[in-house]
Amino acid sequence: INGYTNVKDSEHGLYLDDESMLVFWDKVNELNVPVYLHPREPLEGPARGIYTGYESLIGSAWGFAQETAVHAIRLMMSGLFDRYPNLNLVLGHLGEGLVHMLPRTQHRLYRQRFGCGLGKAEKPLMHYLQNNFIVTTSGHFNTHSLNNAIEVMGADRVMFSVDYPYEDIHQACDWFDPLELEAGLKDKIAWGNASRVFNIK
């Protein structure tokens, strides 16, 4: 799914935590299939002013991750994963920054006395990240970031991906193929997890 949906104009979006989307999530839960939450540019409007003079950051260089990370947090805080605890969402780019930043977000929500999620969430945000999300390496070919994702998410929730046509397949493979990972781990990330998640036989 390509992020939010424009329902009125370029400054207003409908996100997947909206009550009107429950019929969609009911069907996803019934089918027991993953949903890939793909990035798109941040909504137009005053908030985009931060990019003035630096418009090259609006897309895949930065804005994609910012927009998608907030969307994912909205879903966590909406209570969606308490209602459907078996849902799985896939995020590209090693989690759009959430693998690294969500512990900080969760910490601040506690410190600000907003509870574990500031909303309808019944569990800490990290619980949802580690149980309801899967991340791919698409367009994020950095070994330290990969190792961090494996440590935070567990090897069963990390998948190799390229992000074609934004990225080059050969460059992605040239990075991944020589990686020294413990026995069995590399096969999981390279193809095993994708085979399981997408039910590829």
N, C-alpha and C. Protein backbone atom coordinates (compact mmCIF):
# COMPACT_ATOMS: atom_id res chain seq x y z
N ILE A 1 0.86 -1.17 0.00
CA ILE A 1 0.00 0.00 0.00
C ILE A 1 0.90 1.23 0.00
N ASN A 2 0.56 2.18 -0.85
CA ASN A 2 1.40 3.36 -1.02
C ASN A 2 1.05 4.43 0.01
N GLY A 3 1.26 4.13 1.28
CA GLY A 3 1.09 5.12 2.34
C GLY A 3 -0.35 5.58 2.50
N TYR A 4 -0.53 6.86 2.76
CA TYR A 4 -1.85 7.46 2.97
C TYR A 4 -2.60 7.55 1.64
N THR A 5 -3.89 7.87 1.72
CA THR A 5 -4.72 8.10 0.54
C THR A 5 -5.18 9.54 0.55
N ASN A 6 -5.06 10.23 -0.58
CA ASN A 6 -5.60 11.59 -0.69
C ASN A 6 -7.11 11.50 -0.89
N VAL A 7 -7.84 12.14 0.01
CA VAL A 7 -9.29 12.05 -0.07
C VAL A 7 -9.96 13.38 -0.41
N LYS A 8 -9.28 14.49 -0.18
CA LYS A 8 -9.87 15.79 -0.47
C LYS A 8 -8.97 16.60 -1.40
N ASP A 9 -7.74 16.79 -0.96
CA ASP A 9 -6.80 17.57 -1.75
C ASP A 9 -5.40 17.16 -1.35
N SER A 10 -4.41 17.85 -1.90
CA SER A 10 -3.01 17.45 -1.70
C SER A 10 -2.52 17.68 -0.28
N GLU A 11 -3.31 18.38 0.57
CA GLU A 11 -2.87 18.67 1.93
C GLU A 11 -3.54 17.77 2.96
N HIS A 12 -4.44 16.90 2.53
CA HIS A 12 -5.17 16.06 3.48
C HIS A 12 -5.06 14.60 3.06
N GLY A 13 -4.73 13.76 4.01
CA GLY A 13 -4.59 12.34 3.70
C GLY A 13 -5.39 11.48 4.65
N LEU A 14 -5.78 10.32 4.18
CA LEU A 14 -6.47 9.33 5.00
C LEU A 14 -5.47 8.21 5.31
N TYR A 15 -5.17 8.04 6.59
CA TYR A 15 -4.18 7.04 6.99
C TYR A 15 -4.87 5.74 7.38
N LEU A 16 -4.09 4.69 7.43
CA LEU A 16 -4.64 3.35 7.64
C LEU A 16 -5.12 3.08 9.07
N ASP A 17 -4.91 4.03 9.98
CA ASP A 17 -5.45 3.89 11.33
C ASP A 17 -6.87 4.45 11.44
N ASP A 18 -7.37 5.03 10.36
CA ASP A 18 -8.72 5.59 10.37
C ASP A 18 -9.76 4.48 10.58
N GLU A 19 -10.81 4.81 11.32
CA GLU A 19 -11.86 3.82 11.61
C GLU A 19 -12.45 3.23 10.34
N SER A 20 -12.51 4.03 9.28
CA SER A 20 -13.10 3.55 8.03
C SER A 20 -12.28 2.44 7.39
N MET A 21 -11.04 2.26 7.85
CA MET A 21 -10.17 1.24 7.29
C MET A 21 -10.31 -0.12 7.97
N LEU A 22 -11.16 -0.21 8.99
CA LEU A 22 -11.28 -1.48 9.71
C LEU A 22 -11.80 -2.60 8.82
N VAL A 23 -12.63 -2.26 7.85
CA VAL A 23 -13.12 -3.29 6.93
C VAL A 23 -11.97 -3.89 6.13
N PHE A 24 -11.00 -3.03 5.79
CA PHE A 24 -9.79 -3.51 5.11
C PHE A 24 -8.99 -4.43 6.01
N TRP A 25 -8.76 -4.01 7.26
CA TRP A 25 -7.97 -4.81 8.18
C TRP A 25 -8.68 -6.11 8.55
N ASP A 26 -10.01 -6.08 8.61
CA ASP A 26 -10.77 -7.32 8.83
C ASP A 26 -10.44 -8.35 7.76
N LYS A 27 -10.41 -7.89 6.52
CA LYS A 27 -10.14 -8.81 5.41
C LYS A 27 -8.69 -9.28 5.42
N VAL A 28 -7.75 -8.37 5.70
CA VAL A 28 -6.34 -8.75 5.79
C VAL A 28 -6.15 -9.81 6.86
N ASN A 29 -6.79 -9.59 8.01
CA ASN A 29 -6.69 -10.55 9.10
C ASN A 29 -7.30 -11.89 8.72
N GLU A 30 -8.42 -11.85 8.03
CA GLU A 30 -9.08 -13.08 7.59
C GLU A 30 -8.21 -13.86 6.61
N LEU A 31 -7.57 -13.15 5.68
CA LEU A 31 -6.73 -13.79 4.68
C LEU A 31 -5.37 -14.21 5.23
N ASN A 32 -4.99 -13.62 6.38
CA ASN A 32 -3.69 -13.92 7.00
C ASN A 32 -2.54 -13.65 6.03
N VAL A 33 -2.54 -12.45 5.46
CA VAL A 33 -1.48 -12.05 4.53
C VAL A 33 -0.80 -10.79 5.06
N PRO A 34 0.47 -10.58 4.72
CA PRO A 34 1.17 -9.37 5.15
C PRO A 34 0.76 -8.17 4.29
N VAL A 35 0.97 -6.98 4.83
CA VAL A 35 0.75 -5.74 4.09
C VAL A 35 2.07 -5.00 4.02
N TYR A 36 2.47 -4.65 2.82
CA TYR A 36 3.71 -3.88 2.63
C TYR A 36 3.34 -2.41 2.62
N LEU A 37 3.80 -1.68 3.62
CA LEU A 37 3.53 -0.25 3.72
C LEU A 37 4.63 0.51 3.00
N HIS A 38 4.34 0.93 1.78
CA HIS A 38 5.35 1.58 0.95
C HIS A 38 5.35 3.08 1.19
N PRO A 39 6.51 3.71 1.14
CA PRO A 39 6.59 5.15 1.37
C PRO A 39 5.98 5.98 0.24
N ARG A 40 5.64 7.19 0.58
CA ARG A 40 5.34 8.23 -0.40
C ARG A 40 5.75 9.56 0.20
N GLU A 41 5.77 10.59 -0.62
CA GLU A 41 6.23 11.89 -0.13
C GLU A 41 5.28 12.43 0.94
N PRO A 42 5.81 13.22 1.87
CA PRO A 42 4.95 13.85 2.87
C PRO A 42 3.86 14.70 2.21
N LEU A 43 2.73 14.82 2.87
CA LEU A 43 1.64 15.64 2.35
C LEU A 43 2.11 17.07 2.10
N GLU A 44 1.51 17.69 1.09
CA GLU A 44 1.80 19.09 0.83
C GLU A 44 1.16 19.94 1.92
N GLY A 45 1.59 21.19 2.01
CA GLY A 45 1.06 22.08 3.02
C GLY A 45 2.17 22.73 3.83
N PRO A 46 1.81 23.49 4.87
CA PRO A 46 2.80 24.23 5.64
C PRO A 46 3.92 23.37 6.22
N ALA A 47 3.60 22.14 6.61
CA ALA A 47 4.63 21.29 7.22
C ALA A 47 5.78 21.00 6.26
N ARG A 48 5.51 21.08 4.97
CA ARG A 48 6.56 20.84 3.98
C ARG A 48 7.56 21.98 3.92
N GLY A 49 7.25 23.08 4.57
CA GLY A 49 8.15 24.23 4.54
C GLY A 49 9.54 23.92 5.05
N ILE A 50 9.66 22.90 5.89
CA ILE A 50 10.97 22.54 6.42
C ILE A 50 11.92 22.11 5.30
N TYR A 51 11.37 21.71 4.15
CA TYR A 51 12.20 21.27 3.03
C TYR A 51 12.53 22.40 2.05
N THR A 52 12.03 23.60 2.30
CA THR A 52 12.27 24.70 1.37
C THR A 52 13.76 24.93 1.16
N GLY A 53 14.15 24.91 -0.10
CA GLY A 53 15.56 25.06 -0.44
C GLY A 53 16.32 23.75 -0.45
N TYR A 54 15.67 22.70 0.06
CA TYR A 54 16.29 21.37 0.13
C TYR A 54 15.29 20.33 -0.38
N GLU A 55 14.65 20.64 -1.49
CA GLU A 55 13.57 19.81 -2.01
C GLU A 55 14.03 18.39 -2.36
N SER A 56 15.32 18.21 -2.57
CA SER A 56 15.81 16.87 -2.89
C SER A 56 15.62 15.89 -1.73
N LEU A 57 15.36 16.42 -0.53
CA LEU A 57 15.14 15.57 0.64
C LEU A 57 13.70 15.07 0.76
N ILE A 58 12.78 15.64 -0.02
CA ILE A 58 11.37 15.31 0.13
C ILE A 58 11.09 13.85 -0.17
N GLY A 59 11.78 13.28 -1.14
CA GLY A 59 11.50 11.92 -1.58
C GLY A 59 12.26 10.86 -0.84
N SER A 60 12.89 9.97 -1.59
CA SER A 60 13.49 8.77 -1.01
C SER A 60 14.70 9.06 -0.13
N ALA A 61 15.33 10.22 -0.29
CA ALA A 61 16.51 10.52 0.52
C ALA A 61 16.18 10.71 1.99
N TRP A 62 14.96 11.21 2.29
CA TRP A 62 14.59 11.46 3.69
C TRP A 62 13.08 11.43 3.93
N GLY A 63 12.33 12.17 3.14
CA GLY A 63 10.90 12.34 3.38
C GLY A 63 10.11 11.04 3.37
N PHE A 64 10.49 10.11 2.49
CA PHE A 64 9.82 8.82 2.46
C PHE A 64 9.84 8.15 3.83
N ALA A 65 11.03 8.10 4.41
CA ALA A 65 11.19 7.41 5.70
C ALA A 65 10.42 8.13 6.80
N GLN A 66 10.52 9.46 6.82
CA GLN A 66 9.83 10.24 7.85
C GLN A 66 8.33 10.01 7.79
N GLU A 67 7.77 10.11 6.59
CA GLU A 67 6.33 9.93 6.41
C GLU A 67 5.88 8.53 6.82
N THR A 68 6.62 7.52 6.38
CA THR A 68 6.21 6.14 6.62
C THR A 68 6.41 5.74 8.08
N ALA A 69 7.45 6.25 8.71
CA ALA A 69 7.68 5.95 10.13
C ALA A 69 6.54 6.48 10.98
N VAL A 70 6.10 7.71 10.71
CA VAL A 70 4.99 8.27 11.47
C VAL A 70 3.72 7.46 11.21
N HIS A 71 3.51 7.07 9.97
CA HIS A 71 2.33 6.25 9.64
C HIS A 71 2.35 4.94 10.44
N ALA A 72 3.51 4.30 10.51
CA ALA A 72 3.63 3.05 11.26
C ALA A 72 3.37 3.26 12.74
N ILE A 73 3.88 4.35 13.31
CA ILE A 73 3.64 4.64 14.72
C ILE A 73 2.16 4.90 14.97
N ARG A 74 1.51 5.60 14.05
CA ARG A 74 0.06 5.81 14.18
C ARG A 74 -0.67 4.47 14.29
N LEU A 75 -0.27 3.52 13.46
CA LEU A 75 -0.92 2.20 13.50
C LEU A 75 -0.68 1.52 14.84
N MET A 76 0.54 1.62 15.36
CA MET A 76 0.85 1.03 16.66
C MET A 76 -0.01 1.65 17.76
N MET A 77 -0.11 2.98 17.74
CA MET A 77 -0.79 3.69 18.81
C MET A 77 -2.31 3.64 18.69
N SER A 78 -2.81 3.21 17.54
CA SER A 78 -4.25 3.17 17.30
C SER A 78 -4.95 1.99 17.97
N GLY A 79 -4.15 1.01 18.43
CA GLY A 79 -4.73 -0.20 18.98
C GLY A 79 -4.99 -1.27 17.93
N LEU A 80 -4.56 -1.02 16.69
CA LEU A 80 -4.80 -1.96 15.60
C LEU A 80 -4.26 -3.35 15.90
N PHE A 81 -3.04 -3.40 16.46
CA PHE A 81 -2.40 -4.70 16.68
C PHE A 81 -2.89 -5.39 17.95
N ASP A 82 -3.61 -4.67 18.78
CA ASP A 82 -4.30 -5.33 19.89
C ASP A 82 -5.59 -5.97 19.38
N ARG A 83 -6.21 -5.32 18.44
CA ARG A 83 -7.42 -5.86 17.83
C ARG A 83 -7.10 -7.06 16.93
N TYR A 84 -5.98 -6.95 16.21
CA TYR A 84 -5.55 -8.01 15.29
C TYR A 84 -4.10 -8.37 15.61
N PRO A 85 -3.87 -9.15 16.64
CA PRO A 85 -2.49 -9.40 17.09
C PRO A 85 -1.64 -10.20 16.11
N ASN A 86 -2.25 -10.82 15.11
CA ASN A 86 -1.48 -11.62 14.16
C ASN A 86 -1.13 -10.87 12.88
N LEU A 87 -1.51 -9.61 12.79
CA LEU A 87 -1.18 -8.83 11.59
C LEU A 87 0.33 -8.69 11.44
N ASN A 88 0.78 -8.67 10.20
CA ASN A 88 2.18 -8.41 9.89
C ASN A 88 2.28 -7.34 8.82
N LEU A 89 3.01 -6.27 9.11
CA LEU A 89 3.29 -5.22 8.14
C LEU A 89 4.77 -5.27 7.78
N VAL A 90 5.05 -5.04 6.52
CA VAL A 90 6.43 -5.02 6.03
C VAL A 90 6.83 -3.58 5.78
N LEU A 91 8.00 -3.20 6.30
CA LEU A 91 8.58 -1.88 6.06
C LEU A 91 9.90 -2.04 5.34
N GLY A 92 10.15 -1.22 4.36
CA GLY A 92 11.43 -1.25 3.67
C GLY A 92 12.49 -0.44 4.39
N HIS A 93 13.65 -0.36 3.76
CA HIS A 93 14.74 0.50 4.22
C HIS A 93 15.11 0.24 5.67
N LEU A 94 15.12 -1.04 6.02
CA LEU A 94 15.44 -1.48 7.39
C LEU A 94 14.59 -0.79 8.45
N GLY A 95 13.31 -0.61 8.10
CA GLY A 95 12.36 -0.13 9.10
C GLY A 95 12.13 1.35 9.11
N GLU A 96 12.58 2.07 8.08
CA GLU A 96 12.33 3.51 7.96
C GLU A 96 12.82 4.29 9.19
N GLY A 97 13.88 3.82 9.81
CA GLY A 97 14.45 4.50 10.97
C GLY A 97 13.88 4.06 12.30
N LEU A 98 12.78 3.30 12.29
CA LEU A 98 12.12 2.93 13.55
C LEU A 98 12.94 1.97 14.39
N VAL A 99 13.69 1.09 13.74
CA VAL A 99 14.49 0.12 14.50
C VAL A 99 15.44 0.85 15.44
N HIS A 100 15.97 1.96 14.98
CA HIS A 100 16.92 2.73 15.79
C HIS A 100 16.21 3.71 16.72
N MET A 101 15.14 4.37 16.24
CA MET A 101 14.56 5.49 16.96
C MET A 101 13.41 5.14 17.89
N LEU A 102 12.71 4.02 17.64
CA LEU A 102 11.51 3.75 18.43
C LEU A 102 11.77 3.59 19.92
N PRO A 103 12.91 3.01 20.35
CA PRO A 103 13.16 2.98 21.79
C PRO A 103 13.15 4.38 22.41
N ARG A 104 13.70 5.35 21.70
CA ARG A 104 13.68 6.74 22.18
C ARG A 104 12.25 7.27 22.24
N THR A 105 11.47 7.00 21.20
CA THR A 105 10.08 7.45 21.18
C THR A 105 9.30 6.86 22.35
N GLN A 106 9.46 5.57 22.55
CA GLN A 106 8.77 4.90 23.65
C GLN A 106 9.21 5.47 24.99
N HIS A 107 10.50 5.71 25.15
CA HIS A 107 11.03 6.28 26.39
C HIS A 107 10.40 7.63 26.68
N ARG A 108 10.30 8.49 25.65
CA ARG A 108 9.75 9.82 25.87
C ARG A 108 8.25 9.76 26.19
N LEU A 109 7.55 8.82 25.59
CA LEU A 109 6.13 8.68 25.90
C LEU A 109 5.93 8.29 27.36
N TYR A 110 6.80 7.44 27.87
CA TYR A 110 6.75 7.10 29.29
C TYR A 110 7.10 8.30 30.15
N ARG A 111 8.19 8.99 29.81
CA ARG A 111 8.65 10.12 30.61
C ARG A 111 7.62 11.25 30.62
N GLN A 112 6.90 11.40 29.54
CA GLN A 112 5.89 12.45 29.46
C GLN A 112 4.56 12.01 30.05
N ARG A 113 4.57 10.83 30.69
CA ARG A 113 3.40 10.29 31.37
C ARG A 113 2.23 10.04 30.41
N PHE A 114 2.58 9.65 29.20
CA PHE A 114 1.55 9.32 28.22
C PHE A 114 1.27 7.82 28.18
N GLY A 115 1.80 7.07 29.12
CA GLY A 115 1.58 5.64 29.10
C GLY A 115 2.41 4.96 28.04
N CYS A 116 2.03 3.76 27.68
CA CYS A 116 2.86 2.97 26.76
C CYS A 116 2.58 3.30 25.31
N GLY A 117 1.63 4.18 25.01
CA GLY A 117 1.40 4.43 23.60
C GLY A 117 0.65 5.69 23.25
N LEU A 118 0.19 6.47 24.22
CA LEU A 118 -0.56 7.69 23.94
C LEU A 118 -1.66 7.42 22.92
N GLY A 119 -2.64 6.69 23.33
CA GLY A 119 -3.73 6.35 22.43
C GLY A 119 -4.38 5.08 22.92
N LYS A 120 -4.73 4.24 21.99
CA LYS A 120 -5.44 3.01 22.34
C LYS A 120 -4.51 1.82 22.51
N ALA A 121 -3.23 2.02 22.30
CA ALA A 121 -2.28 0.90 22.40
C ALA A 121 -2.26 0.33 23.81
N GLU A 122 -2.25 -0.98 23.91
CA GLU A 122 -2.24 -1.65 25.21
C GLU A 122 -0.85 -2.13 25.61
N LYS A 123 0.08 -2.10 24.68
CA LYS A 123 1.43 -2.60 24.94
C LYS A 123 2.46 -1.55 24.53
N PRO A 124 3.70 -1.72 24.98
CA PRO A 124 4.76 -0.80 24.54
C PRO A 124 4.94 -0.84 23.03
N LEU A 125 5.33 0.27 22.45
CA LEU A 125 5.50 0.34 21.01
C LEU A 125 6.49 -0.69 20.49
N MET A 126 7.54 -0.94 21.26
CA MET A 126 8.55 -1.91 20.82
C MET A 126 7.95 -3.31 20.68
N HIS A 127 6.93 -3.60 21.47
CA HIS A 127 6.26 -4.91 21.33
C HIS A 127 5.68 -5.06 19.94
N TYR A 128 5.03 -4.02 19.45
CA TYR A 128 4.42 -4.10 18.12
C TYR A 128 5.49 -4.17 17.03
N LEU A 129 6.54 -3.38 17.18
CA LEU A 129 7.61 -3.42 16.18
C LEU A 129 8.18 -4.82 16.06
N GLN A 130 8.39 -5.47 17.19
CA GLN A 130 9.05 -6.78 17.20
C GLN A 130 8.11 -7.95 16.93
N ASN A 131 6.81 -7.71 16.97
CA ASN A 131 5.86 -8.80 16.78
C ASN A 131 4.93 -8.63 15.59
N ASN A 132 4.81 -7.40 15.09
CA ASN A 132 3.87 -7.15 14.00
C ASN A 132 4.50 -6.51 12.77
N PHE A 133 5.81 -6.33 12.78
CA PHE A 133 6.50 -5.72 11.65
C PHE A 133 7.65 -6.60 11.18
N ILE A 134 7.90 -6.54 9.90
CA ILE A 134 9.04 -7.19 9.26
C ILE A 134 9.74 -6.11 8.46
N VAL A 135 11.06 -6.08 8.48
CA VAL A 135 11.78 -5.04 7.74
C VAL A 135 12.62 -5.68 6.64
N THR A 136 12.81 -4.91 5.57
CA THR A 136 13.65 -5.37 4.47
C THR A 136 14.86 -4.46 4.34
N THR A 137 15.87 -4.95 3.65
CA THR A 137 17.10 -4.18 3.45
C THR A 137 17.00 -3.23 2.27
N SER A 138 15.85 -3.12 1.66
CA SER A 138 15.70 -2.35 0.42
C SER A 138 16.32 -0.97 0.53
N GLY A 139 17.30 -0.71 -0.33
CA GLY A 139 17.91 0.61 -0.41
C GLY A 139 18.72 1.02 0.80
N HIS A 140 19.00 0.09 1.70
CA HIS A 140 19.76 0.42 2.91
C HIS A 140 20.85 -0.63 3.08
N PHE A 141 21.91 -0.45 2.32
CA PHE A 141 22.96 -1.46 2.25
C PHE A 141 24.10 -1.11 3.20
N ASN A 142 23.80 -1.17 4.48
CA ASN A 142 24.77 -0.82 5.51
C ASN A 142 24.81 -1.96 6.53
N THR A 143 26.00 -2.52 6.72
CA THR A 143 26.13 -3.71 7.56
C THR A 143 25.82 -3.43 9.02
N HIS A 144 26.26 -2.28 9.54
CA HIS A 144 25.96 -1.94 10.94
C HIS A 144 24.45 -1.83 11.16
N SER A 145 23.76 -1.20 10.21
CA SER A 145 22.31 -1.07 10.32
C SER A 145 21.62 -2.42 10.24
N LEU A 146 22.13 -3.30 9.38
CA LEU A 146 21.57 -4.65 9.28
C LEU A 146 21.75 -5.40 10.58
N ASN A 147 22.95 -5.34 11.15
CA ASN A 147 23.20 -6.05 12.41
C ASN A 147 22.30 -5.52 13.52
N ASN A 148 22.07 -4.21 13.53
CA ASN A 148 21.19 -3.62 14.53
C ASN A 148 19.76 -4.12 14.35
N ALA A 149 19.33 -4.21 13.10
CA ALA A 149 17.98 -4.70 12.83
C ALA A 149 17.82 -6.15 13.27
N ILE A 150 18.84 -6.96 13.02
CA ILE A 150 18.80 -8.36 13.45
C ILE A 150 18.72 -8.44 14.97
N GLU A 151 19.50 -7.61 15.64
CA GLU A 151 19.52 -7.62 17.11
C GLU A 151 18.18 -7.17 17.68
N VAL A 152 17.59 -6.13 17.10
CA VAL A 152 16.35 -5.57 17.63
C VAL A 152 15.14 -6.40 17.22
N MET A 153 15.07 -6.78 15.95
CA MET A 153 13.89 -7.44 15.41
C MET A 153 13.93 -8.96 15.53
N GLY A 154 15.15 -9.51 15.54
CA GLY A 154 15.30 -10.95 15.42
C GLY A 154 15.46 -11.32 13.96
N ALA A 155 16.24 -12.33 13.69
CA ALA A 155 16.57 -12.69 12.30
C ALA A 155 15.35 -13.12 11.50
N ASP A 156 14.29 -13.59 12.16
CA ASP A 156 13.10 -14.03 11.45
C ASP A 156 12.29 -12.87 10.88
N ARG A 157 12.64 -11.64 11.26
CA ARG A 157 11.87 -10.48 10.83
C ARG A 157 12.69 -9.50 9.99
N VAL A 158 13.71 -10.02 9.34
CA VAL A 158 14.55 -9.21 8.44
C VAL A 158 14.66 -9.95 7.12
N MET A 159 14.43 -9.23 6.00
CA MET A 159 14.49 -9.85 4.68
C MET A 159 15.36 -9.02 3.74
N PHE A 160 16.11 -9.71 2.92
CA PHE A 160 16.89 -9.03 1.88
C PHE A 160 15.95 -8.48 0.80
N SER A 161 16.27 -7.28 0.35
CA SER A 161 15.52 -6.66 -0.74
C SER A 161 16.41 -5.61 -1.39
N VAL A 162 16.03 -5.16 -2.56
CA VAL A 162 16.89 -4.25 -3.33
C VAL A 162 16.35 -2.83 -3.39
N ASP A 163 15.06 -2.66 -3.66
CA ASP A 163 14.41 -1.38 -3.90
C ASP A 163 14.56 -0.93 -5.35
N TYR A 164 14.51 -1.91 -6.25
CA TYR A 164 14.51 -1.60 -7.68
C TYR A 164 13.20 -0.91 -8.05
N PRO A 165 13.19 0.12 -8.89
CA PRO A 165 14.29 0.64 -9.71
C PRO A 165 15.09 1.76 -9.06
N TYR A 166 14.77 2.11 -7.80
CA TYR A 166 15.55 3.16 -7.14
C TYR A 166 17.01 2.74 -6.97
N GLU A 167 17.21 1.45 -6.70
CA GLU A 167 18.55 0.95 -6.41
C GLU A 167 18.99 -0.08 -7.45
N ASP A 168 20.28 -0.35 -7.45
CA ASP A 168 20.87 -1.26 -8.41
C ASP A 168 20.97 -2.67 -7.82
N ILE A 169 20.47 -3.65 -8.53
CA ILE A 169 20.47 -5.03 -8.04
C ILE A 169 21.88 -5.53 -7.77
N HIS A 170 22.80 -5.21 -8.69
CA HIS A 170 24.18 -5.68 -8.53
C HIS A 170 24.84 -5.06 -7.29
N GLN A 171 24.58 -3.78 -7.05
CA GLN A 171 25.15 -3.13 -5.87
C GLN A 171 24.62 -3.78 -4.59
N ALA A 172 23.33 -4.08 -4.58
CA ALA A 172 22.74 -4.72 -3.40
C ALA A 172 23.36 -6.09 -3.15
N CYS A 173 23.54 -6.87 -4.21
CA CYS A 173 24.12 -8.20 -4.07
C CYS A 173 25.61 -8.14 -3.73
N ASP A 174 26.30 -7.16 -4.30
CA ASP A 174 27.73 -7.00 -3.99
C ASP A 174 27.93 -6.68 -2.51
N TRP A 175 26.95 -6.02 -1.91
CA TRP A 175 27.02 -5.74 -0.47
C TRP A 175 26.64 -6.98 0.34
N PHE A 176 25.55 -7.65 -0.04
CA PHE A 176 25.02 -8.72 0.79
C PHE A 176 25.81 -10.02 0.68
N ASP A 177 26.20 -10.39 -0.52
CA ASP A 177 26.82 -11.70 -0.74
C ASP A 177 28.05 -11.96 0.13
N PRO A 178 28.96 -10.98 0.32
CA PRO A 178 30.16 -11.26 1.12
C PRO A 178 29.95 -11.19 2.63
N LEU A 179 28.76 -10.80 3.08
CA LEU A 179 28.54 -10.64 4.52
C LEU A 179 28.82 -11.93 5.27
N GLU A 180 29.49 -11.78 6.40
CA GLU A 180 29.78 -12.93 7.24
C GLU A 180 28.74 -13.00 8.35
N LEU A 181 27.75 -13.85 8.15
CA LEU A 181 26.70 -14.07 9.13
C LEU A 181 26.74 -15.52 9.57
N GLU A 182 26.29 -15.78 10.79
CA GLU A 182 26.36 -17.14 11.31
C GLU A 182 25.53 -18.10 10.47
N ALA A 183 25.87 -19.36 10.55
CA ALA A 183 25.25 -20.40 9.73
C ALA A 183 23.73 -20.36 9.83
N GLY A 184 23.08 -20.41 8.70
CA GLY A 184 21.62 -20.42 8.65
C GLY A 184 21.00 -19.05 8.62
N LEU A 185 21.67 -18.06 9.21
CA LEU A 185 21.12 -16.72 9.31
C LEU A 185 21.03 -16.06 7.94
N LYS A 186 22.08 -16.23 7.15
CA LYS A 186 22.12 -15.58 5.85
C LYS A 186 21.03 -16.11 4.93
N ASP A 187 20.83 -17.42 4.94
CA ASP A 187 19.78 -18.01 4.11
C ASP A 187 18.40 -17.51 4.53
N LYS A 188 18.18 -17.37 5.83
CA LYS A 188 16.91 -16.83 6.31
C LYS A 188 16.64 -15.46 5.72
N ILE A 189 17.64 -14.59 5.84
CA ILE A 189 17.46 -13.21 5.40
C ILE A 189 17.41 -13.13 3.88
N ALA A 190 18.21 -13.94 3.21
CA ALA A 190 18.29 -13.89 1.74
C ALA A 190 16.99 -14.34 1.09
N TRP A 191 16.41 -15.43 1.56
CA TRP A 191 15.21 -15.96 0.90
C TRP A 191 14.25 -16.71 1.83
N GLY A 192 14.74 -17.27 2.91
CA GLY A 192 13.90 -18.10 3.76
C GLY A 192 12.74 -17.35 4.38
N ASN A 193 13.02 -16.19 4.92
CA ASN A 193 11.96 -15.41 5.56
C ASN A 193 10.92 -14.95 4.54
N ALA A 194 11.37 -14.52 3.37
CA ALA A 194 10.44 -14.08 2.33
C ALA A 194 9.55 -15.24 1.89
N SER A 195 10.13 -16.41 1.78
CA SER A 195 9.35 -17.59 1.40
C SER A 195 8.25 -17.87 2.41
N ARG A 196 8.58 -17.71 3.70
CA ARG A 196 7.59 -17.94 4.75
C ARG A 196 6.55 -16.82 4.80
N VAL A 197 7.02 -15.58 4.79
CA VAL A 197 6.12 -14.43 4.96
C VAL A 197 5.12 -14.33 3.80
N PHE A 198 5.61 -14.55 2.58
CA PHE A 198 4.75 -14.42 1.41
C PHE A 198 4.18 -15.75 0.93
N ASN A 199 4.42 -16.80 1.73
CA ASN A 199 3.87 -18.13 1.44
C ASN A 199 4.25 -18.59 0.03
N ILE A 200 5.54 -18.47 -0.28
CA ILE A 200 6.05 -18.89 -1.58
C ILE A 200 6.48 -20.34 -1.47
N LYS A 201 5.92 -21.18 -2.28
CA LYS A 201 6.22 -22.61 -2.20
C LYS A 201 7.07 -23.03 -3.38
